Amino acid sequence: MDQGTVGSIFTVIVFVIFMGIVWWAFSGRNKKKFDEAANLPFADEDKEESKKE
């Protein structure tokens, strides 16, 4: 195997891994966890405002 073949195989492997990550990130069963994680910074603001009052 020459360097071109190894590079092509590596590119295909990285592409398959990338597509797996994209599928995982956009799958419906993870939506609830990602929505909760997206709102974490705003939950911290609510706690800080209650301490000031």
N, C-alpha and C. Protein backbone atom coordinates (compact mmCIF):
# COMPACT_ATOMS: atom_id res chain seq x y z
N MET A 1 0.85 -1.18 0.00
CA MET A 1 0.00 0.00 0.00
C MET A 1 0.89 1.23 0.00
N ASP A 2 0.58 2.13 -0.90
CA ASP A 2 1.35 3.36 -0.94
C ASP A 2 0.66 4.45 -0.13
N GLN A 3 1.28 5.60 -0.07
CA GLN A 3 0.77 6.68 0.77
C GLN A 3 -0.59 7.19 0.28
N GLY A 4 -0.84 7.18 -0.99
CA GLY A 4 -2.13 7.63 -1.53
C GLY A 4 -3.27 6.74 -1.08
N THR A 5 -3.05 5.44 -1.07
CA THR A 5 -4.08 4.50 -0.63
C THR A 5 -4.37 4.65 0.86
N VAL A 6 -3.32 4.78 1.64
CA VAL A 6 -3.49 4.96 3.09
C VAL A 6 -4.23 6.27 3.37
N GLY A 7 -3.89 7.31 2.65
CA GLY A 7 -4.58 8.59 2.82
C GLY A 7 -6.04 8.50 2.46
N SER A 8 -6.36 7.77 1.39
CA SER A 8 -7.76 7.61 0.98
C SER A 8 -8.55 6.82 2.02
N ILE A 9 -7.96 5.76 2.53
CA ILE A 9 -8.64 4.95 3.56
C ILE A 9 -8.87 5.79 4.80
N PHE A 10 -7.87 6.57 5.22
CA PHE A 10 -8.01 7.43 6.38
C PHE A 10 -9.12 8.46 6.17
N THR A 11 -9.19 9.04 4.96
CA THR A 11 -10.23 10.02 4.66
C THR A 11 -11.63 9.40 4.76
N VAL A 12 -11.79 8.21 4.26
CA VAL A 12 -13.08 7.52 4.33
C VAL A 12 -13.44 7.22 5.77
N ILE A 13 -12.49 6.77 6.57
CA ILE A 13 -12.75 6.46 7.98
C ILE A 13 -13.16 7.72 8.74
N VAL A 14 -12.45 8.82 8.52
CA VAL A 14 -12.79 10.07 9.20
C VAL A 14 -14.17 10.56 8.76
N PHE A 15 -14.50 10.42 7.48
CA PHE A 15 -15.82 10.83 6.99
C PHE A 15 -16.93 10.01 7.63
N VAL A 16 -16.73 8.71 7.76
CA VAL A 16 -17.74 7.84 8.39
C VAL A 16 -17.92 8.22 9.86
N ILE A 17 -16.82 8.50 10.55
CA ILE A 17 -16.91 8.93 11.95
C ILE A 17 -17.64 10.26 12.04
N PHE A 18 -17.34 11.19 11.15
CA PHE A 18 -18.02 12.49 11.14
C PHE A 18 -19.52 12.32 10.92
N MET A 19 -19.90 11.48 9.97
CA MET A 19 -21.32 11.27 9.71
C MET A 19 -22.00 10.61 10.92
N GLY A 20 -21.30 9.74 11.63
CA GLY A 20 -21.85 9.14 12.84
C GLY A 20 -22.09 10.18 13.91
N ILE A 21 -21.17 11.12 14.07
CA ILE A 21 -21.33 12.19 15.07
C ILE A 21 -22.50 13.09 14.68
N VAL A 22 -22.62 13.42 13.41
CA VAL A 22 -23.73 14.25 12.95
C VAL A 22 -25.06 13.54 13.19
N TRP A 23 -25.12 12.24 12.88
CA TRP A 23 -26.34 11.48 13.11
C TRP A 23 -26.68 11.46 14.60
N TRP A 24 -25.68 11.24 15.46
CA TRP A 24 -25.90 11.22 16.91
C TRP A 24 -26.40 12.57 17.41
N ALA A 25 -25.81 13.66 16.92
CA ALA A 25 -26.18 14.99 17.40
C ALA A 25 -27.59 15.38 16.99
N PHE A 26 -28.04 14.92 15.84
CA PHE A 26 -29.35 15.32 15.36
C PHE A 26 -30.42 14.25 15.54
N SER A 27 -30.11 13.17 16.23
CA SER A 27 -31.12 12.14 16.45
C SER A 27 -32.17 12.64 17.44
N GLY A 28 -33.37 12.19 17.29
CA GLY A 28 -34.48 12.66 18.09
C GLY A 28 -34.40 12.29 19.56
N ARG A 29 -33.78 11.18 19.88
CA ARG A 29 -33.76 10.75 21.28
C ARG A 29 -32.82 11.58 22.13
N ASN A 30 -31.92 12.34 21.53
CA ASN A 30 -31.01 13.20 22.29
C ASN A 30 -31.53 14.63 22.43
N LYS A 31 -32.63 14.95 21.79
CA LYS A 31 -33.14 16.32 21.78
C LYS A 31 -33.42 16.83 23.19
N LYS A 32 -34.01 16.04 24.03
CA LYS A 32 -34.35 16.49 25.39
C LYS A 32 -33.08 16.84 26.17
N LYS A 33 -32.06 16.00 26.09
CA LYS A 33 -30.80 16.27 26.81
C LYS A 33 -30.14 17.54 26.28
N PHE A 34 -30.14 17.72 24.96
CA PHE A 34 -29.50 18.89 24.37
C PHE A 34 -30.28 20.17 24.69
N ASP A 35 -31.60 20.09 24.74
CA ASP A 35 -32.40 21.25 25.11
C ASP A 35 -32.14 21.66 26.56
N GLU A 36 -32.03 20.69 27.44
CA GLU A 36 -31.71 20.99 28.84
C GLU A 36 -30.33 21.61 28.96
N ALA A 37 -29.36 21.08 28.23
CA ALA A 37 -28.00 21.62 28.28
C ALA A 37 -27.95 23.03 27.70
N ALA A 38 -28.75 23.31 26.69
CA ALA A 38 -28.77 24.63 26.08
C ALA A 38 -29.33 25.68 27.03
N ASN A 39 -30.19 25.28 27.95
CA ASN A 39 -30.80 26.23 28.87
C ASN A 39 -30.06 26.37 30.20
N LEU A 40 -28.98 25.63 30.39
CA LEU A 40 -28.24 25.72 31.64
C LEU A 40 -27.73 27.12 31.97
N PRO A 41 -27.19 27.88 31.04
CA PRO A 41 -26.73 29.24 31.39
C PRO A 41 -27.87 30.14 31.90
N PHE A 42 -29.06 29.95 31.37
CA PHE A 42 -30.19 30.77 31.79
C PHE A 42 -30.69 30.36 33.17
N ALA A 43 -30.55 29.10 33.53
CA ALA A 43 -30.95 28.64 34.85
C ALA A 43 -30.06 29.26 35.91
N ASP A 44 -28.81 29.47 35.60
CA ASP A 44 -27.88 30.11 36.52
C ASP A 44 -28.27 31.56 36.78
N GLU A 45 -28.75 32.26 35.77
CA GLU A 45 -29.18 33.65 35.93
C GLU A 45 -30.35 33.74 36.89
N ASP A 46 -31.27 32.81 36.84
CA ASP A 46 -32.43 32.82 37.74
C ASP A 46 -31.97 32.70 39.20
N LYS A 47 -30.99 31.88 39.46
CA LYS A 47 -30.49 31.70 40.81
C LYS A 47 -29.80 32.97 41.31
N GLU A 48 -29.05 33.64 40.43
CA GLU A 48 -28.35 34.85 40.81
C GLU A 48 -29.34 35.99 41.11
N GLU A 49 -30.42 36.08 40.32
CA GLU A 49 -31.41 37.12 40.54
C GLU A 49 -32.14 36.90 41.87
N SER A 50 -32.40 35.67 42.24
CA SER A 50 -33.09 35.40 43.51
C SER A 50 -32.20 35.72 44.70
N LYS A 51 -30.88 35.60 44.54
CA LYS A 51 -29.95 35.93 45.63
C LYS A 51 -29.89 37.45 45.84
N LYS A 52 -30.02 38.23 44.77
CA LYS A 52 -29.92 39.69 44.87
C LYS A 52 -31.13 40.29 45.58
N GLU A 53 -32.26 39.65 45.46
CA GLU A 53 -33.50 40.22 46.02
C GLU A 53 -33.64 39.99 47.49
